All heavy atoms as atom14 arrays in JSON, in Angstrom:
{
  "sequence": "PGWQWKTENNISHPDHWAQNKLHQWYGLNHDGAYTLQGNTPVHGLSY",
  "atom14_mask": [
    [1, 1, 1, 1, 1, 1, 1, 0, 0, 0, 0, 0, 0, 0],
    [1, 1, 1, 1, 0, 0, 0, 0, 0, 0, 0, 0, 0, 0],
    [1, 1, 1, 1, 1, 1, 1, 1, 1, 1, 1, 1, 1, 1],
    [1, 1, 1, 1, 1, 1, 1, 1, 1, 0, 0, 0, 0, 0],
    [1, 1, 1, 1, 1, 1, 1, 1, 1, 1, 1, 1, 1, 1],
    [1, 1, 1, 1, 1, 1, 1, 1, 1, 0, 0, 0, 0, 0],
    [1, 1, 1, 1, 1, 1, 1, 0, 0, 0, 0, 0, 0, 0],
    [1, 1, 1, 1, 1, 1, 1, 1, 1, 0, 0, 0, 0, 0],
    [1, 1, 1, 1, 1, 1, 1, 1, 0, 0, 0, 0, 0, 0],
    [1, 1, 1, 1, 1, 1, 1, 1, 0, 0, 0, 0, 0, 0],
    [1, 1, 1, 1, 1, 1, 1, 1, 0, 0, 0, 0, 0, 0],
    [1, 1, 1, 1, 1, 1, 0, 0, 0, 0, 0, 0, 0, 0],
    [1, 1, 1, 1, 1, 1, 1, 1, 1, 1, 0, 0, 0, 0],
    [1, 1, 1, 1, 1, 1, 1, 0, 0, 0, 0, 0, 0, 0],
    [1, 1, 1, 1, 1, 1, 1, 1, 0, 0, 0, 0, 0, 0],
    [1, 1, 1, 1, 1, 1, 1, 1, 1, 1, 0, 0, 0, 0],
    [1, 1, 1, 1, 1, 1, 1, 1, 1, 1, 1, 1, 1, 1],
    [1, 1, 1, 1, 1, 0, 0, 0, 0, 0, 0, 0, 0, 0],
    [1, 1, 1, 1, 1, 1, 1, 1, 1, 0, 0, 0, 0, 0],
    [1, 1, 1, 1, 1, 1, 1, 1, 0, 0, 0, 0, 0, 0],
    [1, 1, 1, 1, 1, 1, 1, 1, 1, 0, 0, 0, 0, 0],
    [1, 1, 1, 1, 1, 1, 1, 1, 0, 0, 0, 0, 0, 0],
    [1, 1, 1, 1, 1, 1, 1, 1, 1, 1, 0, 0, 0, 0],
    [1, 1, 1, 1, 1, 1, 1, 1, 1, 0, 0, 0, 0, 0],
    [1, 1, 1, 1, 1, 1, 1, 1, 1, 1, 1, 1, 1, 1],
    [1, 1, 1, 1, 1, 1, 1, 1, 1, 1, 1, 1, 0, 0],
    [1, 1, 1, 1, 0, 0, 0, 0, 0, 0, 0, 0, 0, 0],
    [1, 1, 1, 1, 1, 1, 1, 1, 0, 0, 0, 0, 0, 0],
    [1, 1, 1, 1, 1, 1, 1, 1, 0, 0, 0, 0, 0, 0],
    [1, 1, 1, 1, 1, 1, 1, 1, 1, 1, 0, 0, 0, 0],
    [1, 1, 1, 1, 1, 1, 1, 1, 0, 0, 0, 0, 0, 0],
    [1, 1, 1, 1, 0, 0, 0, 0, 0, 0, 0, 0, 0, 0],
    [1, 1, 1, 1, 1, 0, 0, 0, 0, 0, 0, 0, 0, 0],
    [1, 1, 1, 1, 1, 1, 1, 1, 1, 1, 1, 1, 0, 0],
    [1, 1, 1, 1, 1, 1, 1, 0, 0, 0, 0, 0, 0, 0],
    [1, 1, 1, 1, 1, 1, 1, 1, 0, 0, 0, 0, 0, 0],
    [1, 1, 1, 1, 1, 1, 1, 1, 1, 0, 0, 0, 0, 0],
    [1, 1, 1, 1, 0, 0, 0, 0, 0, 0, 0, 0, 0, 0],
    [1, 1, 1, 1, 1, 1, 1, 1, 0, 0, 0, 0, 0, 0],
    [1, 1, 1, 1, 1, 1, 1, 0, 0, 0, 0, 0, 0, 0],
    [1, 1, 1, 1, 1, 1, 1, 0, 0, 0, 0, 0, 0, 0],
    [1, 1, 1, 1, 1, 1, 1, 0, 0, 0, 0, 0, 0, 0],
    [1, 1, 1, 1, 1, 1, 1, 1, 1, 1, 0, 0, 0, 0],
    [1, 1, 1, 1, 0, 0, 0, 0, 0, 0, 0, 0, 0, 0],
    [1, 1, 1, 1, 1, 1, 1, 1, 0, 0, 0, 0, 0, 0],
    [1, 1, 1, 1, 1, 1, 0, 0, 0, 0, 0, 0, 0, 0],
    [1, 1, 1, 1, 1, 1, 1, 1, 1, 1, 1, 1, 0, 0]
  ],
  "atom14_positions": [
    [[87.09, 112.36, 79.0], [86.3, 111.19, 79.48], [86.98, 110.49, 80.63], [86.29, 109.94, 81.53], [86.19, 110.3, 78.25], [87.26, 110.74, 77.32], [87.46, 112.19, 77.58], [0.0, 0.0, 0.0], [0.0, 0.0, 0.0], [0.0, 0.0, 0.0], [0.0, 0.0, 0.0], [0.0, 0.0, 0.0], [0.0, 0.0, 0.0], [0.0, 0.0, 0.0]],
    [[88.32, 110.47, 80.67], [89.02, 109.84, 81.77], [88.79, 110.55, 83.07], [88.56, 109.92, 84.11], [0.0, 0.0, 0.0], [0.0, 0.0, 0.0], [0.0, 0.0, 0.0], [0.0, 0.0, 0.0], [0.0, 0.0, 0.0], [0.0, 0.0, 0.0], [0.0, 0.0, 0.0], [0.0, 0.0, 0.0], [0.0, 0.0, 0.0], [0.0, 0.0, 0.0]],
    [[88.84, 111.87, 83.05], [88.61, 112.66, 84.26], [87.17, 112.49, 84.75], [86.93, 112.33, 85.95], [88.9, 114.12, 84.0], [88.79, 114.98, 85.2], [87.78, 115.82, 85.54], [89.75, 115.08, 86.28], [88.02, 116.45, 86.72], [89.23, 116.02, 87.21], [90.98, 114.5, 86.53], [89.92, 116.35, 88.39], [91.66, 114.83, 87.7], [91.13, 115.74, 88.6]],
    [[86.24, 112.47, 83.84], [84.84, 112.27, 84.2], [84.64, 110.9, 84.85], [83.97, 110.8, 85.9], [83.93, 112.41, 82.98], [82.46, 112.26, 83.29], [81.6, 112.48, 82.05], [82.05, 112.94, 81.01], [80.31, 112.11, 82.17], [0.0, 0.0, 0.0], [0.0, 0.0, 0.0], [0.0, 0.0, 0.0], [0.0, 0.0, 0.0], [0.0, 0.0, 0.0]],
    [[85.2, 109.87, 84.25], [85.09, 108.53, 84.8], [85.73, 108.44, 86.19], [85.13, 107.89, 87.12], [85.76, 107.52, 83.86], [86.01, 106.19, 84.44], [85.11, 105.16, 84.55], [87.22, 105.72, 85.04], [85.69, 104.08, 85.19], [87.0, 104.4, 85.49], [88.49, 106.27, 85.23], [87.98, 103.64, 86.12], [89.47, 105.52, 85.85], [89.2, 104.21, 86.29]],
    [[86.95, 108.98, 86.34], [87.64, 108.94, 87.61], [86.86, 109.67, 88.71], [86.71, 109.15, 89.83], [89.03, 109.59, 87.45], [89.86, 109.6, 88.72], [90.94, 110.66, 88.69], [90.38, 112.04, 88.94], [89.96, 112.24, 90.37], [0.0, 0.0, 0.0], [0.0, 0.0, 0.0], [0.0, 0.0, 0.0], [0.0, 0.0, 0.0], [0.0, 0.0, 0.0]],
    [[86.3, 110.82, 88.35], [85.58, 111.63, 89.33], [84.28, 110.97, 89.73], [83.95, 110.87, 90.93], [85.33, 113.03, 88.76], [86.58, 113.63, 88.4], [84.63, 113.91, 89.78], [0.0, 0.0, 0.0], [0.0, 0.0, 0.0], [0.0, 0.0, 0.0], [0.0, 0.0, 0.0], [0.0, 0.0, 0.0], [0.0, 0.0, 0.0], [0.0, 0.0, 0.0]],
    [[83.52, 110.51, 88.76], [82.22, 109.89, 89.04], [82.36, 108.61, 89.85], [81.45, 108.27, 90.64], [81.47, 109.6, 87.73], [81.01, 110.85, 87.01], [80.32, 110.55, 85.7], [80.34, 109.35, 85.29], [79.77, 111.49, 85.09], [0.0, 0.0, 0.0], [0.0, 0.0, 0.0], [0.0, 0.0, 0.0], [0.0, 0.0, 0.0], [0.0, 0.0, 0.0]],
    [[83.47, 107.9, 89.68], [83.65, 106.63, 90.37], [84.64, 106.68, 91.55], [84.94, 105.64, 92.14], [84.12, 105.57, 89.37], [83.07, 105.27, 88.32], [82.14, 104.52, 88.56], [83.24, 105.86, 87.13], [0.0, 0.0, 0.0], [0.0, 0.0, 0.0], [0.0, 0.0, 0.0], [0.0, 0.0, 0.0], [0.0, 0.0, 0.0], [0.0, 0.0, 0.0]],
    [[85.09, 107.9, 91.85], [85.98, 108.11, 92.99], [87.19, 107.19, 92.94], [87.55, 106.51, 93.91], [85.23, 107.91, 94.3], [85.99, 108.45, 95.51], [86.76, 109.4, 95.38], [85.77, 107.84, 96.67], [0.0, 0.0, 0.0], [0.0, 0.0, 0.0], [0.0, 0.0, 0.0], [0.0, 0.0, 0.0], [0.0, 0.0, 0.0], [0.0, 0.0, 0.0]],
    [[87.86, 107.17, 91.8], [89.03, 106.3, 91.59], [90.29, 106.98, 92.08], [90.56, 108.14, 91.71], [89.17, 105.94, 90.1], [87.88, 105.29, 89.57], [90.37, 105.05, 89.86], [87.55, 103.97, 90.21], [0.0, 0.0, 0.0], [0.0, 0.0, 0.0], [0.0, 0.0, 0.0], [0.0, 0.0, 0.0], [0.0, 0.0, 0.0], [0.0, 0.0, 0.0]],
    [[91.08, 106.29, 92.89], [92.29, 106.9, 93.42], [93.46, 105.93, 93.5], [94.51, 106.27, 94.05], [92.03, 107.47, 94.82], [91.61, 106.44, 95.7], [0.0, 0.0, 0.0], [0.0, 0.0, 0.0], [0.0, 0.0, 0.0], [0.0, 0.0, 0.0], [0.0, 0.0, 0.0], [0.0, 0.0, 0.0], [0.0, 0.0, 0.0], [0.0, 0.0, 0.0]],
    [[93.31, 104.72, 92.97], [94.38, 103.72, 93.01], [93.98, 102.56, 92.11], [92.82, 102.43, 91.71], [94.6, 103.22, 94.44], [93.36, 102.7, 95.1], [92.85, 101.42, 94.88], [92.51, 103.29, 96.01], [91.77, 101.24, 95.58], [91.52, 102.36, 96.28], [0.0, 0.0, 0.0], [0.0, 0.0, 0.0], [0.0, 0.0, 0.0], [0.0, 0.0, 0.0]],
    [[94.93, 101.68, 91.79], [94.6, 100.51, 90.96], [93.54, 99.63, 91.58], [93.37, 99.62, 92.82], [95.95, 99.79, 90.83], [96.97, 100.85, 91.0], [96.38, 101.79, 92.01], [0.0, 0.0, 0.0], [0.0, 0.0, 0.0], [0.0, 0.0, 0.0], [0.0, 0.0, 0.0], [0.0, 0.0, 0.0], [0.0, 0.0, 0.0], [0.0, 0.0, 0.0]],
    [[92.85, 98.89, 90.77], [91.7, 98.11, 91.2], [92.04, 97.12, 92.3], [91.22, 96.88, 93.2], [91.12, 97.37, 90.0], [89.79, 96.7, 90.3], [88.97, 97.32, 90.99], [89.59, 95.56, 89.85], [0.0, 0.0, 0.0], [0.0, 0.0, 0.0], [0.0, 0.0, 0.0], [0.0, 0.0, 0.0], [0.0, 0.0, 0.0], [0.0, 0.0, 0.0]],
    [[93.24, 96.54, 92.28], [93.58, 95.48, 93.23], [94.39, 95.98, 94.41], [94.92, 95.16, 95.18], [94.34, 94.37, 92.48], [93.6, 93.82, 91.32], [92.47, 93.06, 91.45], [93.81, 93.94, 89.99], [92.03, 92.72, 90.23], [92.84, 93.26, 89.33], [0.0, 0.0, 0.0], [0.0, 0.0, 0.0], [0.0, 0.0, 0.0], [0.0, 0.0, 0.0]],
    [[94.48, 97.3, 94.57], [95.21, 97.86, 95.7], [94.27, 98.27, 96.82], [93.12, 98.66, 96.58], [95.99, 99.12, 95.27], [97.19, 98.85, 94.41], [97.4, 97.81, 93.55], [98.33, 99.69, 94.31], [98.59, 97.93, 92.91], [99.21, 99.08, 93.35], [98.71, 100.89, 94.9], [100.42, 99.64, 93.01], [99.94, 101.45, 94.55], [100.78, 100.84, 93.61]],
    [[94.77, 98.21, 98.04], [94.03, 98.69, 99.22], [95.03, 99.22, 100.23], [96.22, 98.94, 100.13], [93.19, 97.56, 99.81], [0.0, 0.0, 0.0], [0.0, 0.0, 0.0], [0.0, 0.0, 0.0], [0.0, 0.0, 0.0], [0.0, 0.0, 0.0], [0.0, 0.0, 0.0], [0.0, 0.0, 0.0], [0.0, 0.0, 0.0], [0.0, 0.0, 0.0]],
    [[94.54, 99.99, 101.2], [95.39, 100.54, 102.26], [94.94, 100.08, 103.63], [93.73, 99.95, 103.89], [95.36, 102.08, 102.22], [96.37, 102.72, 101.29], [96.39, 104.23, 101.43], [95.34, 104.87, 101.4], [97.58, 104.79, 101.55], [0.0, 0.0, 0.0], [0.0, 0.0, 0.0], [0.0, 0.0, 0.0], [0.0, 0.0, 0.0], [0.0, 0.0, 0.0]],
    [[95.92, 99.85, 104.51], [95.57, 99.53, 105.89], [95.45, 100.82, 106.71], [95.57, 101.92, 106.16], [96.56, 98.55, 106.5], [97.99, 99.11, 106.52], [98.21, 100.34, 106.51], [98.98, 98.22, 106.58], [0.0, 0.0, 0.0], [0.0, 0.0, 0.0], [0.0, 0.0, 0.0], [0.0, 0.0, 0.0], [0.0, 0.0, 0.0], [0.0, 0.0, 0.0]],
    [[95.28, 100.66, 108.02], [95.08, 101.84, 108.88], [96.34, 102.69, 108.98], [96.27, 103.86, 109.39], [94.65, 101.38, 110.27], [93.25, 100.75, 110.28], [92.85, 100.32, 111.69], [91.46, 99.7, 111.69], [91.05, 99.26, 113.06], [0.0, 0.0, 0.0], [0.0, 0.0, 0.0], [0.0, 0.0, 0.0], [0.0, 0.0, 0.0], [0.0, 0.0, 0.0]],
    [[97.47, 102.14, 108.61], [98.73, 102.89, 108.63], [99.02, 103.52, 107.27], [100.1, 104.01, 107.04], [99.88, 101.99, 109.05], [99.79, 101.39, 110.46], [100.97, 100.45, 110.71], [99.72, 102.48, 111.51], [0.0, 0.0, 0.0], [0.0, 0.0, 0.0], [0.0, 0.0, 0.0], [0.0, 0.0, 0.0], [0.0, 0.0, 0.0], [0.0, 0.0, 0.0]],
    [[98.03, 103.43, 106.35], [98.15, 103.96, 105.0], [99.21, 103.24, 104.18], [99.79, 103.83, 103.25], [98.44, 105.47, 105.03], [97.41, 106.26, 105.78], [96.11, 106.42, 105.34], [97.49, 106.89, 106.99], [95.43, 107.14, 106.23], [96.24, 107.44, 107.22], [0.0, 0.0, 0.0], [0.0, 0.0, 0.0], [0.0, 0.0, 0.0], [0.0, 0.0, 0.0]],
    [[99.47, 101.98, 104.51], [100.38, 101.15, 103.74], [99.59, 100.39, 102.69], [98.51, 99.85, 102.97], [101.11, 100.18, 104.66], [101.98, 100.85, 105.7], [102.4, 99.9, 106.81], [101.64, 98.99, 107.19], [103.6, 100.08, 107.33], [0.0, 0.0, 0.0], [0.0, 0.0, 0.0], [0.0, 0.0, 0.0], [0.0, 0.0, 0.0], [0.0, 0.0, 0.0]],
    [[100.13, 100.34, 101.48], [99.43, 99.7, 100.39], [99.7, 98.19, 100.37], [100.8, 97.73, 100.68], [99.87, 100.28, 99.04], [99.44, 101.69, 98.82], [100.2, 102.8, 98.94], [98.13, 102.12, 98.45], [99.44, 103.93, 98.68], [98.17, 103.55, 98.35], [96.93, 101.46, 98.18], [97.06, 104.3, 98.01], [95.83, 102.22, 97.81], [95.9, 103.61, 97.75]],
    [[98.66, 97.42, 100.03], [98.8, 95.99, 99.82], [97.87, 95.59, 98.69], [97.01, 96.35, 98.25], [98.48, 95.2, 101.11], [97.05, 95.4, 101.63], [96.02, 94.52, 101.26], [96.74, 96.46, 102.48], [94.74, 94.69, 101.73], [95.45, 96.64, 102.96], [94.46, 95.75, 102.57], [93.17, 95.92, 103.05], [0.0, 0.0, 0.0], [0.0, 0.0, 0.0]],
    [[98.06, 94.36, 98.18], [97.24, 93.88, 97.08], [96.17, 92.91, 97.55], [96.26, 92.33, 98.65], [0.0, 0.0, 0.0], [0.0, 0.0, 0.0], [0.0, 0.0, 0.0], [0.0, 0.0, 0.0], [0.0, 0.0, 0.0], [0.0, 0.0, 0.0], [0.0, 0.0, 0.0], [0.0, 0.0, 0.0], [0.0, 0.0, 0.0], [0.0, 0.0, 0.0]],
    [[95.15, 92.74, 96.73], [94.08, 91.79, 97.0], [93.87, 90.9, 95.77], [93.83, 91.4, 94.64], [92.76, 92.52, 97.31], [92.69, 93.26, 98.65], [91.43, 94.13, 98.68], [92.68, 92.26, 99.8], [0.0, 0.0, 0.0], [0.0, 0.0, 0.0], [0.0, 0.0, 0.0], [0.0, 0.0, 0.0], [0.0, 0.0, 0.0], [0.0, 0.0, 0.0]],
    [[93.78, 89.6, 95.99], [93.44, 88.67, 94.91], [92.53, 87.59, 95.45], [91.99, 87.71, 96.57], [94.69, 88.12, 94.23], [95.56, 87.3, 95.18], [95.11, 86.84, 96.23], [96.81, 87.1, 94.79], [0.0, 0.0, 0.0], [0.0, 0.0, 0.0], [0.0, 0.0, 0.0], [0.0, 0.0, 0.0], [0.0, 0.0, 0.0], [0.0, 0.0, 0.0]],
    [[92.34, 86.5, 94.71], [91.42, 85.46, 95.11], [91.87, 84.73, 96.36], [91.06, 84.05, 97.0], [91.22, 84.45, 93.96], [92.48, 83.81, 93.51], [93.4, 84.45, 92.69], [93.02, 82.59, 93.78], [94.43, 83.63, 92.48], [94.22, 82.51, 93.12], [0.0, 0.0, 0.0], [0.0, 0.0, 0.0], [0.0, 0.0, 0.0], [0.0, 0.0, 0.0]],
    [[93.13, 84.87, 96.74], [93.62, 84.25, 97.98], [93.58, 85.21, 99.16], [93.89, 84.81, 100.28], [95.06, 83.77, 97.78], [95.14, 82.6, 96.84], [94.27, 81.74, 96.86], [96.12, 82.54, 96.04], [0.0, 0.0, 0.0], [0.0, 0.0, 0.0], [0.0, 0.0, 0.0], [0.0, 0.0, 0.0], [0.0, 0.0, 0.0], [0.0, 0.0, 0.0]],
    [[93.19, 86.46, 98.92], [93.13, 87.45, 99.99], [94.21, 88.5, 99.85], [94.64, 88.83, 98.74], [0.0, 0.0, 0.0], [0.0, 0.0, 0.0], [0.0, 0.0, 0.0], [0.0, 0.0, 0.0], [0.0, 0.0, 0.0], [0.0, 0.0, 0.0], [0.0, 0.0, 0.0], [0.0, 0.0, 0.0], [0.0, 0.0, 0.0], [0.0, 0.0, 0.0]],
    [[94.69, 89.04, 100.95], [95.68, 90.11, 100.95], [97.07, 89.54, 100.66], [97.4, 88.44, 101.04], [95.67, 90.83, 102.29], [0.0, 0.0, 0.0], [0.0, 0.0, 0.0], [0.0, 0.0, 0.0], [0.0, 0.0, 0.0], [0.0, 0.0, 0.0], [0.0, 0.0, 0.0], [0.0, 0.0, 0.0], [0.0, 0.0, 0.0], [0.0, 0.0, 0.0]],
    [[97.88, 90.34, 99.95], [99.26, 89.95, 99.68], [100.12, 91.21, 99.62], [99.65, 92.33, 99.42], [99.38, 89.15, 98.38], [99.06, 89.92, 97.13], [100.06, 90.56, 96.39], [97.76, 90.01, 96.66], [99.78, 91.26, 95.24], [97.44, 90.71, 95.49], [98.46, 91.33, 94.79], [98.17, 92.03, 93.65], [0.0, 0.0, 0.0], [0.0, 0.0, 0.0]],
    [[101.44, 91.02, 99.79], [102.38, 92.12, 99.76], [102.66, 92.54, 98.33], [102.96, 91.69, 97.48], [103.69, 91.7, 100.45], [103.44, 91.34, 101.81], [104.7, 92.85, 100.42], [0.0, 0.0, 0.0], [0.0, 0.0, 0.0], [0.0, 0.0, 0.0], [0.0, 0.0, 0.0], [0.0, 0.0, 0.0], [0.0, 0.0, 0.0], [0.0, 0.0, 0.0]],
    [[102.57, 93.81, 98.07], [102.9, 94.34, 96.75], [104.42, 94.46, 96.62], [105.08, 95.07, 97.46], [102.27, 95.73, 96.55], [100.75, 95.77, 96.38], [100.26, 97.22, 96.49], [100.35, 95.19, 95.04], [0.0, 0.0, 0.0], [0.0, 0.0, 0.0], [0.0, 0.0, 0.0], [0.0, 0.0, 0.0], [0.0, 0.0, 0.0], [0.0, 0.0, 0.0]],
    [[104.96, 93.84, 95.59], [106.39, 93.95, 95.31], [106.65, 95.12, 94.39], [105.98, 95.28, 93.37], [106.88, 92.65, 94.68], [106.66, 91.42, 95.53], [107.44, 91.47, 96.84], [108.55, 92.05, 96.89], [106.9, 90.88, 97.89], [0.0, 0.0, 0.0], [0.0, 0.0, 0.0], [0.0, 0.0, 0.0], [0.0, 0.0, 0.0], [0.0, 0.0, 0.0]],
    [[107.62, 95.93, 94.74], [107.87, 97.15, 93.98], [108.22, 96.93, 92.52], [107.82, 97.72, 91.65], [0.0, 0.0, 0.0], [0.0, 0.0, 0.0], [0.0, 0.0, 0.0], [0.0, 0.0, 0.0], [0.0, 0.0, 0.0], [0.0, 0.0, 0.0], [0.0, 0.0, 0.0], [0.0, 0.0, 0.0], [0.0, 0.0, 0.0], [0.0, 0.0, 0.0]],
    [[108.94, 95.84, 92.22], [109.4, 95.63, 90.84], [108.47, 94.74, 90.04], [108.8, 94.36, 88.92], [110.82, 95.06, 90.83], [110.89, 93.7, 91.55], [109.89, 93.24, 92.12], [112.05, 93.07, 91.51], [0.0, 0.0, 0.0], [0.0, 0.0, 0.0], [0.0, 0.0, 0.0], [0.0, 0.0, 0.0], [0.0, 0.0, 0.0], [0.0, 0.0, 0.0]],
    [[107.32, 94.42, 90.58], [106.32, 93.63, 89.86], [105.47, 94.55, 88.98], [105.07, 95.63, 89.42], [105.42, 92.88, 90.84], [106.21, 91.98, 91.62], [104.34, 92.08, 90.11], [0.0, 0.0, 0.0], [0.0, 0.0, 0.0], [0.0, 0.0, 0.0], [0.0, 0.0, 0.0], [0.0, 0.0, 0.0], [0.0, 0.0, 0.0], [0.0, 0.0, 0.0]],
    [[105.15, 94.16, 87.74], [104.32, 94.99, 86.89], [102.98, 95.32, 87.56], [102.32, 94.46, 88.1], [104.12, 94.14, 85.63], [105.37, 93.32, 85.55], [105.67, 92.98, 86.99], [0.0, 0.0, 0.0], [0.0, 0.0, 0.0], [0.0, 0.0, 0.0], [0.0, 0.0, 0.0], [0.0, 0.0, 0.0], [0.0, 0.0, 0.0], [0.0, 0.0, 0.0]],
    [[102.61, 96.59, 87.51], [101.33, 97.03, 88.06], [100.21, 96.5, 87.19], [100.35, 96.38, 85.97], [101.27, 98.56, 88.18], [101.33, 99.24, 86.83], [100.04, 99.01, 88.97], [0.0, 0.0, 0.0], [0.0, 0.0, 0.0], [0.0, 0.0, 0.0], [0.0, 0.0, 0.0], [0.0, 0.0, 0.0], [0.0, 0.0, 0.0], [0.0, 0.0, 0.0]],
    [[99.07, 96.16, 87.83], [97.88, 95.78, 87.06], [96.65, 96.29, 87.79], [96.74, 96.86, 88.88], [97.81, 94.27, 86.84], [97.54, 93.47, 88.07], [98.52, 93.09, 88.94], [96.39, 92.98, 88.56], [98.03, 92.41, 89.92], [96.71, 92.32, 89.73], [0.0, 0.0, 0.0], [0.0, 0.0, 0.0], [0.0, 0.0, 0.0], [0.0, 0.0, 0.0]],
    [[95.5, 96.11, 87.17], [94.28, 96.67, 87.71], [94.01, 98.08, 87.25], [93.32, 98.84, 87.92], [0.0, 0.0, 0.0], [0.0, 0.0, 0.0], [0.0, 0.0, 0.0], [0.0, 0.0, 0.0], [0.0, 0.0, 0.0], [0.0, 0.0, 0.0], [0.0, 0.0, 0.0], [0.0, 0.0, 0.0], [0.0, 0.0, 0.0], [0.0, 0.0, 0.0]],
    [[94.54, 98.42, 86.06], [94.39, 99.77, 85.53], [93.38, 99.82, 84.4], [93.34, 98.9, 83.55], [95.73, 100.29, 85.0], [96.9, 100.34, 85.96], [98.12, 100.94, 85.26], [96.56, 101.16, 87.21], [0.0, 0.0, 0.0], [0.0, 0.0, 0.0], [0.0, 0.0, 0.0], [0.0, 0.0, 0.0], [0.0, 0.0, 0.0], [0.0, 0.0, 0.0]],
    [[92.62, 100.87, 84.32], [91.84, 101.18, 83.15], [92.72, 101.84, 82.1], [93.84, 102.25, 82.4], [90.69, 102.14, 83.52], [91.22, 103.42, 83.85], [0.0, 0.0, 0.0], [0.0, 0.0, 0.0], [0.0, 0.0, 0.0], [0.0, 0.0, 0.0], [0.0, 0.0, 0.0], [0.0, 0.0, 0.0], [0.0, 0.0, 0.0], [0.0, 0.0, 0.0]],
    [[92.2, 101.93, 80.87], [92.89, 102.66, 79.84], [93.12, 104.11, 80.29], [94.2, 104.7, 80.04], [92.11, 102.63, 78.53], [92.69, 103.52, 77.46], [93.74, 103.07, 76.64], [92.23, 104.82, 77.27], [94.28, 103.89, 75.68], [92.79, 105.65, 76.3], [93.8, 105.17, 75.51], [94.36, 105.98, 74.54], [0.0, 0.0, 0.0], [0.0, 0.0, 0.0]]
  ]
}
C-alpha cells in the first residue's frame, strides 16, 4: 500500500520540503521558506 500511495501521488520528499533551481532543499511553513537544519528532527512524513 505504501508503494501504491507513493506512486499514485508522485511522492519524492517530505511534505514540507521543496527544492530551488539549484536543487538545494529548503523548508516551507506558515512564515514561508526557511533553511533546513541537518540535526533538526525531520517531519512531514506519512506512516
